[in-house]
N, C-alpha and C. Protein backbone atom coordinates (compact mmCIF):
# COMPACT_ATOMS: atom_id res chain seq x y z
N MET A 1 0.84 -1.17 0.00
CA MET A 1 0.00 0.00 0.00
C MET A 1 0.89 1.24 0.00
N THR A 2 0.37 2.31 -0.49
CA THR A 2 1.08 3.58 -0.47
C THR A 2 1.15 4.08 0.96
N LEU A 3 2.31 4.57 1.35
CA LEU A 3 2.49 5.06 2.71
C LEU A 3 1.94 6.47 2.86
N THR A 4 1.39 6.74 4.03
CA THR A 4 0.96 8.10 4.32
C THR A 4 2.22 8.94 4.54
N PRO A 5 2.14 10.25 4.37
CA PRO A 5 3.32 11.08 4.61
C PRO A 5 3.89 10.90 6.02
N LYS A 6 3.01 10.73 7.00
CA LYS A 6 3.48 10.56 8.39
C LYS A 6 4.29 9.27 8.55
N VAL A 7 3.81 8.17 7.96
CA VAL A 7 4.52 6.90 8.05
C VAL A 7 5.83 6.97 7.27
N ALA A 8 5.79 7.57 6.08
CA ALA A 8 7.01 7.71 5.28
C ALA A 8 8.07 8.52 6.03
N GLU A 9 7.63 9.57 6.71
CA GLU A 9 8.55 10.41 7.49
C GLU A 9 9.14 9.61 8.65
N MET A 10 8.30 8.83 9.33
CA MET A 10 8.76 8.02 10.45
C MET A 10 9.81 7.00 10.00
N LEU A 11 9.55 6.34 8.87
CA LEU A 11 10.51 5.36 8.35
C LEU A 11 11.80 6.03 7.89
N SER A 12 11.69 7.18 7.26
CA SER A 12 12.88 7.92 6.83
C SER A 12 13.75 8.31 8.02
N ALA A 13 13.12 8.70 9.11
CA ALA A 13 13.87 9.09 10.32
C ALA A 13 14.60 7.89 10.92
N ARG A 14 14.06 6.70 10.74
CA ARG A 14 14.67 5.47 11.27
C ARG A 14 15.78 4.94 10.37
N LYS A 15 15.78 5.35 9.12
CA LYS A 15 16.71 4.82 8.12
C LYS A 15 18.16 5.23 8.43
N PRO A 16 19.07 4.27 8.53
CA PRO A 16 20.48 4.59 8.75
C PRO A 16 21.05 5.36 7.55
N THR A 17 22.12 6.09 7.77
CA THR A 17 22.71 6.89 6.69
C THR A 17 23.31 6.02 5.58
N ASN A 18 24.01 4.98 5.93
CA ASN A 18 24.63 4.10 4.93
C ASN A 18 23.86 2.78 4.89
N VAL A 19 22.67 2.83 4.33
CA VAL A 19 21.81 1.65 4.32
C VAL A 19 22.00 0.83 3.04
N ASP A 20 21.93 -0.46 3.21
CA ASP A 20 21.94 -1.38 2.08
C ASP A 20 20.53 -1.39 1.52
N PRO A 21 20.32 -1.05 0.24
CA PRO A 21 18.96 -1.00 -0.30
C PRO A 21 18.22 -2.34 -0.24
N GLU A 22 18.97 -3.42 -0.08
CA GLU A 22 18.36 -4.75 0.02
C GLU A 22 18.11 -5.17 1.47
N ALA A 23 18.49 -4.34 2.43
CA ALA A 23 18.35 -4.69 3.84
C ALA A 23 16.89 -4.62 4.28
N SER A 24 16.57 -5.41 5.28
CA SER A 24 15.22 -5.42 5.85
C SER A 24 14.99 -4.13 6.64
N VAL A 25 13.79 -3.57 6.54
CA VAL A 25 13.45 -2.36 7.28
C VAL A 25 13.34 -2.67 8.77
N PHE A 26 12.77 -3.82 9.09
CA PHE A 26 12.59 -4.23 10.48
C PHE A 26 13.28 -5.58 10.70
N PRO A 27 14.59 -5.57 10.87
CA PRO A 27 15.31 -6.84 11.07
C PRO A 27 15.11 -7.38 12.48
N SER A 28 15.52 -8.62 12.67
CA SER A 28 15.50 -9.22 13.99
C SER A 28 16.56 -8.52 14.85
N PRO A 29 16.56 -8.75 16.15
CA PRO A 29 17.58 -8.13 17.01
C PRO A 29 19.01 -8.44 16.57
N LYS A 30 19.20 -9.57 15.87
CA LYS A 30 20.53 -9.95 15.39
C LYS A 30 20.77 -9.49 13.95
N GLY A 31 19.85 -8.67 13.40
CA GLY A 31 20.03 -8.14 12.05
C GLY A 31 19.60 -9.08 10.94
N LYS A 32 18.95 -10.16 11.27
CA LYS A 32 18.50 -11.14 10.28
C LYS A 32 17.06 -10.86 9.86
N LEU A 33 16.59 -11.61 8.85
CA LEU A 33 15.18 -11.50 8.45
C LEU A 33 14.30 -12.04 9.57
N LEU A 34 13.14 -11.42 9.74
CA LEU A 34 12.21 -11.89 10.77
C LEU A 34 11.56 -13.19 10.34
N ASN A 35 11.41 -14.07 11.30
CA ASN A 35 10.70 -15.32 11.11
C ASN A 35 9.31 -15.11 11.69
N ASP A 36 8.25 -15.41 10.93
CA ASP A 36 6.88 -15.14 11.37
C ASP A 36 6.57 -15.80 12.71
N HIS A 37 6.92 -17.06 12.85
CA HIS A 37 6.62 -17.77 14.10
C HIS A 37 7.36 -17.14 15.28
N THR A 38 8.62 -16.86 15.10
CA THR A 38 9.42 -16.26 16.17
C THR A 38 8.92 -14.86 16.49
N PHE A 39 8.57 -14.09 15.49
CA PHE A 39 8.04 -12.74 15.70
C PHE A 39 6.77 -12.79 16.55
N ARG A 40 5.86 -13.71 16.20
CA ARG A 40 4.61 -13.81 16.97
C ARG A 40 4.88 -14.19 18.42
N ARG A 41 5.79 -15.13 18.62
CA ARG A 41 6.07 -15.62 19.97
C ARG A 41 6.82 -14.58 20.80
N ARG A 42 7.83 -13.95 20.21
CA ARG A 42 8.69 -13.05 20.97
C ARG A 42 8.14 -11.63 21.10
N ALA A 43 7.46 -11.14 20.09
CA ALA A 43 7.06 -9.73 20.11
C ALA A 43 5.55 -9.54 20.06
N TRP A 44 4.91 -10.08 19.03
CA TRP A 44 3.50 -9.81 18.78
C TRP A 44 2.62 -10.12 19.98
N THR A 45 2.75 -11.32 20.53
CA THR A 45 1.94 -11.73 21.67
C THR A 45 2.18 -10.83 22.87
N LYS A 46 3.42 -10.49 23.12
CA LYS A 46 3.75 -9.63 24.26
C LYS A 46 3.17 -8.23 24.09
N ILE A 47 3.25 -7.71 22.89
CA ILE A 47 2.72 -6.36 22.61
C ILE A 47 1.20 -6.33 22.81
N LEU A 48 0.51 -7.32 22.25
CA LEU A 48 -0.94 -7.37 22.41
C LEU A 48 -1.33 -7.52 23.87
N THR A 49 -0.62 -8.36 24.60
CA THR A 49 -0.90 -8.54 26.03
C THR A 49 -0.70 -7.24 26.78
N ARG A 50 0.41 -6.57 26.53
CA ARG A 50 0.70 -5.31 27.21
C ARG A 50 -0.37 -4.26 26.92
N LEU A 51 -0.90 -4.27 25.71
CA LEU A 51 -1.93 -3.30 25.32
C LEU A 51 -3.35 -3.79 25.65
N GLU A 52 -3.43 -4.98 26.25
CA GLU A 52 -4.71 -5.58 26.62
C GLU A 52 -5.64 -5.75 25.42
N ILE A 53 -5.04 -6.22 24.32
CA ILE A 53 -5.79 -6.49 23.09
C ILE A 53 -5.89 -8.00 22.94
N THR A 54 -7.08 -8.48 22.64
CA THR A 54 -7.29 -9.91 22.43
C THR A 54 -6.39 -10.39 21.31
N TYR A 55 -5.80 -11.57 21.50
CA TYR A 55 -4.87 -12.10 20.49
C TYR A 55 -5.56 -12.23 19.13
N ARG A 56 -4.83 -11.84 18.12
CA ARG A 56 -5.20 -12.09 16.74
C ARG A 56 -3.91 -12.24 15.95
N LYS A 57 -3.98 -12.97 14.86
CA LYS A 57 -2.79 -13.17 14.03
C LYS A 57 -2.39 -11.86 13.38
N PRO A 58 -1.10 -11.64 13.18
CA PRO A 58 -0.66 -10.41 12.50
C PRO A 58 -1.34 -10.22 11.13
N TYR A 59 -1.66 -11.33 10.48
CA TYR A 59 -2.31 -11.25 9.16
C TYR A 59 -3.62 -10.47 9.22
N SER A 60 -4.31 -10.52 10.36
CA SER A 60 -5.59 -9.82 10.46
C SER A 60 -5.43 -8.31 10.35
N THR A 61 -4.24 -7.81 10.55
CA THR A 61 -4.02 -6.37 10.39
C THR A 61 -4.15 -5.96 8.92
N ARG A 62 -3.98 -6.92 8.03
CA ARG A 62 -4.14 -6.65 6.60
C ARG A 62 -5.57 -6.20 6.31
N HIS A 63 -6.55 -6.93 6.87
CA HIS A 63 -7.95 -6.57 6.68
C HIS A 63 -8.23 -5.17 7.23
N THR A 64 -7.67 -4.89 8.39
CA THR A 64 -7.86 -3.58 9.01
C THR A 64 -7.27 -2.48 8.12
N ALA A 65 -6.07 -2.70 7.61
CA ALA A 65 -5.42 -1.69 6.76
C ALA A 65 -6.24 -1.44 5.50
N ILE A 66 -6.73 -2.51 4.88
CA ILE A 66 -7.53 -2.37 3.66
C ILE A 66 -8.84 -1.63 3.98
N SER A 67 -9.50 -2.02 5.06
CA SER A 67 -10.76 -1.37 5.45
C SER A 67 -10.56 0.12 5.70
N HIS A 68 -9.51 0.46 6.44
CA HIS A 68 -9.25 1.87 6.73
C HIS A 68 -8.92 2.65 5.45
N ALA A 69 -8.13 2.05 4.58
CA ALA A 69 -7.79 2.74 3.33
C ALA A 69 -9.05 3.04 2.52
N LEU A 70 -9.91 2.04 2.38
CA LEU A 70 -11.14 2.23 1.61
C LEU A 70 -12.09 3.21 2.28
N ALA A 71 -12.21 3.11 3.60
CA ALA A 71 -13.09 4.02 4.33
C ALA A 71 -12.62 5.46 4.25
N ASN A 72 -11.32 5.64 4.04
CA ASN A 72 -10.76 6.99 3.94
C ASN A 72 -10.68 7.47 2.49
N GLY A 73 -11.35 6.76 1.59
CA GLY A 73 -11.47 7.22 0.22
C GLY A 73 -10.41 6.76 -0.76
N ALA A 74 -9.60 5.77 -0.38
CA ALA A 74 -8.59 5.26 -1.32
C ALA A 74 -9.29 4.63 -2.52
N ASN A 75 -8.65 4.71 -3.65
CA ASN A 75 -9.17 4.12 -4.88
C ASN A 75 -9.18 2.60 -4.72
N PRO A 76 -10.36 1.95 -4.79
CA PRO A 76 -10.42 0.50 -4.60
C PRO A 76 -9.54 -0.29 -5.58
N LEU A 77 -9.43 0.18 -6.80
CA LEU A 77 -8.59 -0.53 -7.77
C LEU A 77 -7.11 -0.42 -7.39
N ALA A 78 -6.71 0.74 -6.88
CA ALA A 78 -5.32 0.91 -6.44
C ALA A 78 -5.05 0.03 -5.21
N VAL A 79 -6.01 -0.03 -4.30
CA VAL A 79 -5.85 -0.87 -3.10
C VAL A 79 -5.75 -2.34 -3.51
N ALA A 80 -6.58 -2.76 -4.46
CA ALA A 80 -6.53 -4.14 -4.95
C ALA A 80 -5.15 -4.45 -5.52
N GLU A 81 -4.64 -3.53 -6.33
CA GLU A 81 -3.32 -3.75 -6.94
C GLU A 81 -2.22 -3.80 -5.89
N GLN A 82 -2.25 -2.88 -4.92
CA GLN A 82 -1.20 -2.81 -3.91
C GLN A 82 -1.21 -4.00 -2.97
N THR A 83 -2.38 -4.60 -2.76
CA THR A 83 -2.49 -5.71 -1.82
C THR A 83 -2.52 -7.07 -2.51
N GLY A 84 -2.48 -7.07 -3.83
CA GLY A 84 -2.49 -8.33 -4.57
C GLY A 84 -3.85 -8.99 -4.67
N HIS A 85 -4.90 -8.22 -4.41
CA HIS A 85 -6.26 -8.74 -4.52
C HIS A 85 -6.74 -8.65 -5.96
N ASP A 86 -7.56 -9.59 -6.35
CA ASP A 86 -8.30 -9.47 -7.58
C ASP A 86 -9.38 -8.41 -7.27
N PRO A 87 -9.57 -7.41 -8.14
CA PRO A 87 -10.56 -6.36 -7.84
C PRO A 87 -11.95 -6.90 -7.51
N GLN A 88 -12.37 -7.97 -8.18
CA GLN A 88 -13.70 -8.53 -7.90
C GLN A 88 -13.78 -9.07 -6.47
N ILE A 89 -12.71 -9.70 -6.02
CA ILE A 89 -12.67 -10.24 -4.66
C ILE A 89 -12.66 -9.10 -3.65
N LEU A 90 -11.90 -8.05 -3.94
CA LEU A 90 -11.86 -6.89 -3.06
C LEU A 90 -13.25 -6.29 -2.92
N PHE A 91 -13.94 -6.09 -4.04
CA PHE A 91 -15.29 -5.52 -4.00
C PHE A 91 -16.24 -6.44 -3.24
N LYS A 92 -16.09 -7.75 -3.41
CA LYS A 92 -16.96 -8.71 -2.74
C LYS A 92 -16.79 -8.63 -1.22
N HIS A 93 -15.55 -8.59 -0.76
CA HIS A 93 -15.29 -8.64 0.68
C HIS A 93 -15.34 -7.28 1.38
N TYR A 94 -15.16 -6.22 0.63
CA TYR A 94 -15.10 -4.89 1.24
C TYR A 94 -16.16 -3.94 0.71
N ALA A 95 -17.21 -4.47 0.07
CA ALA A 95 -18.24 -3.62 -0.54
C ALA A 95 -18.88 -2.69 0.48
N SER A 96 -19.11 -3.16 1.70
CA SER A 96 -19.78 -2.31 2.69
C SER A 96 -18.90 -1.11 3.05
N VAL A 97 -17.60 -1.31 3.12
CA VAL A 97 -16.69 -0.21 3.43
C VAL A 97 -16.64 0.77 2.26
N ILE A 98 -16.61 0.23 1.05
CA ILE A 98 -16.56 1.08 -0.15
C ILE A 98 -17.85 1.87 -0.27
N GLN A 99 -18.99 1.24 -0.05
CA GLN A 99 -20.27 1.93 -0.17
C GLN A 99 -20.42 3.04 0.85
N LYS A 100 -19.92 2.84 2.06
CA LYS A 100 -20.02 3.87 3.09
C LYS A 100 -19.19 5.10 2.73
N SER A 101 -18.07 4.89 2.03
CA SER A 101 -17.20 6.01 1.72
C SER A 101 -17.43 6.57 0.32
N ALA A 102 -18.30 5.93 -0.44
CA ALA A 102 -18.54 6.40 -1.82
C ALA A 102 -19.28 7.73 -1.82
N VAL A 103 -18.93 8.53 -2.78
CA VAL A 103 -19.57 9.84 -2.95
C VAL A 103 -20.21 9.86 -4.33
N MET A 104 -21.49 10.19 -4.37
CA MET A 104 -22.19 10.25 -5.64
C MET A 104 -21.82 11.56 -6.35
N VAL A 105 -21.58 11.47 -7.62
CA VAL A 105 -21.26 12.63 -8.42
C VAL A 105 -22.49 12.97 -9.25
N GLU A 106 -22.90 14.23 -9.20
CA GLU A 106 -24.05 14.64 -9.98
C GLU A 106 -23.59 15.06 -11.36
N PHE A 107 -24.37 14.69 -12.36
CA PHE A 107 -24.07 15.05 -13.74
C PHE A 107 -24.95 16.18 -14.20
């Protein structure tokens, strides 16, 4: 998905001066690629517990991100492309969000 200016600024501030363009943005504590299982066990579960949020898989944040993007007026076709969704599937699963944010244009 396209980053908001605030998120882009936050990531730019975190970026080291001599960065390898192929390096991971969020590496493990040892600088390696994150392993999904290890990430969930070591960080995700602890963060959710600390915030008193009921456990959910990190993947569920994808649905939230898509819903928020559409509710805030993002182009559904652009969201489909950025998230790898077939546009028909996106419309099927997120039609209620799209309809709530749709604006009728008068001719």
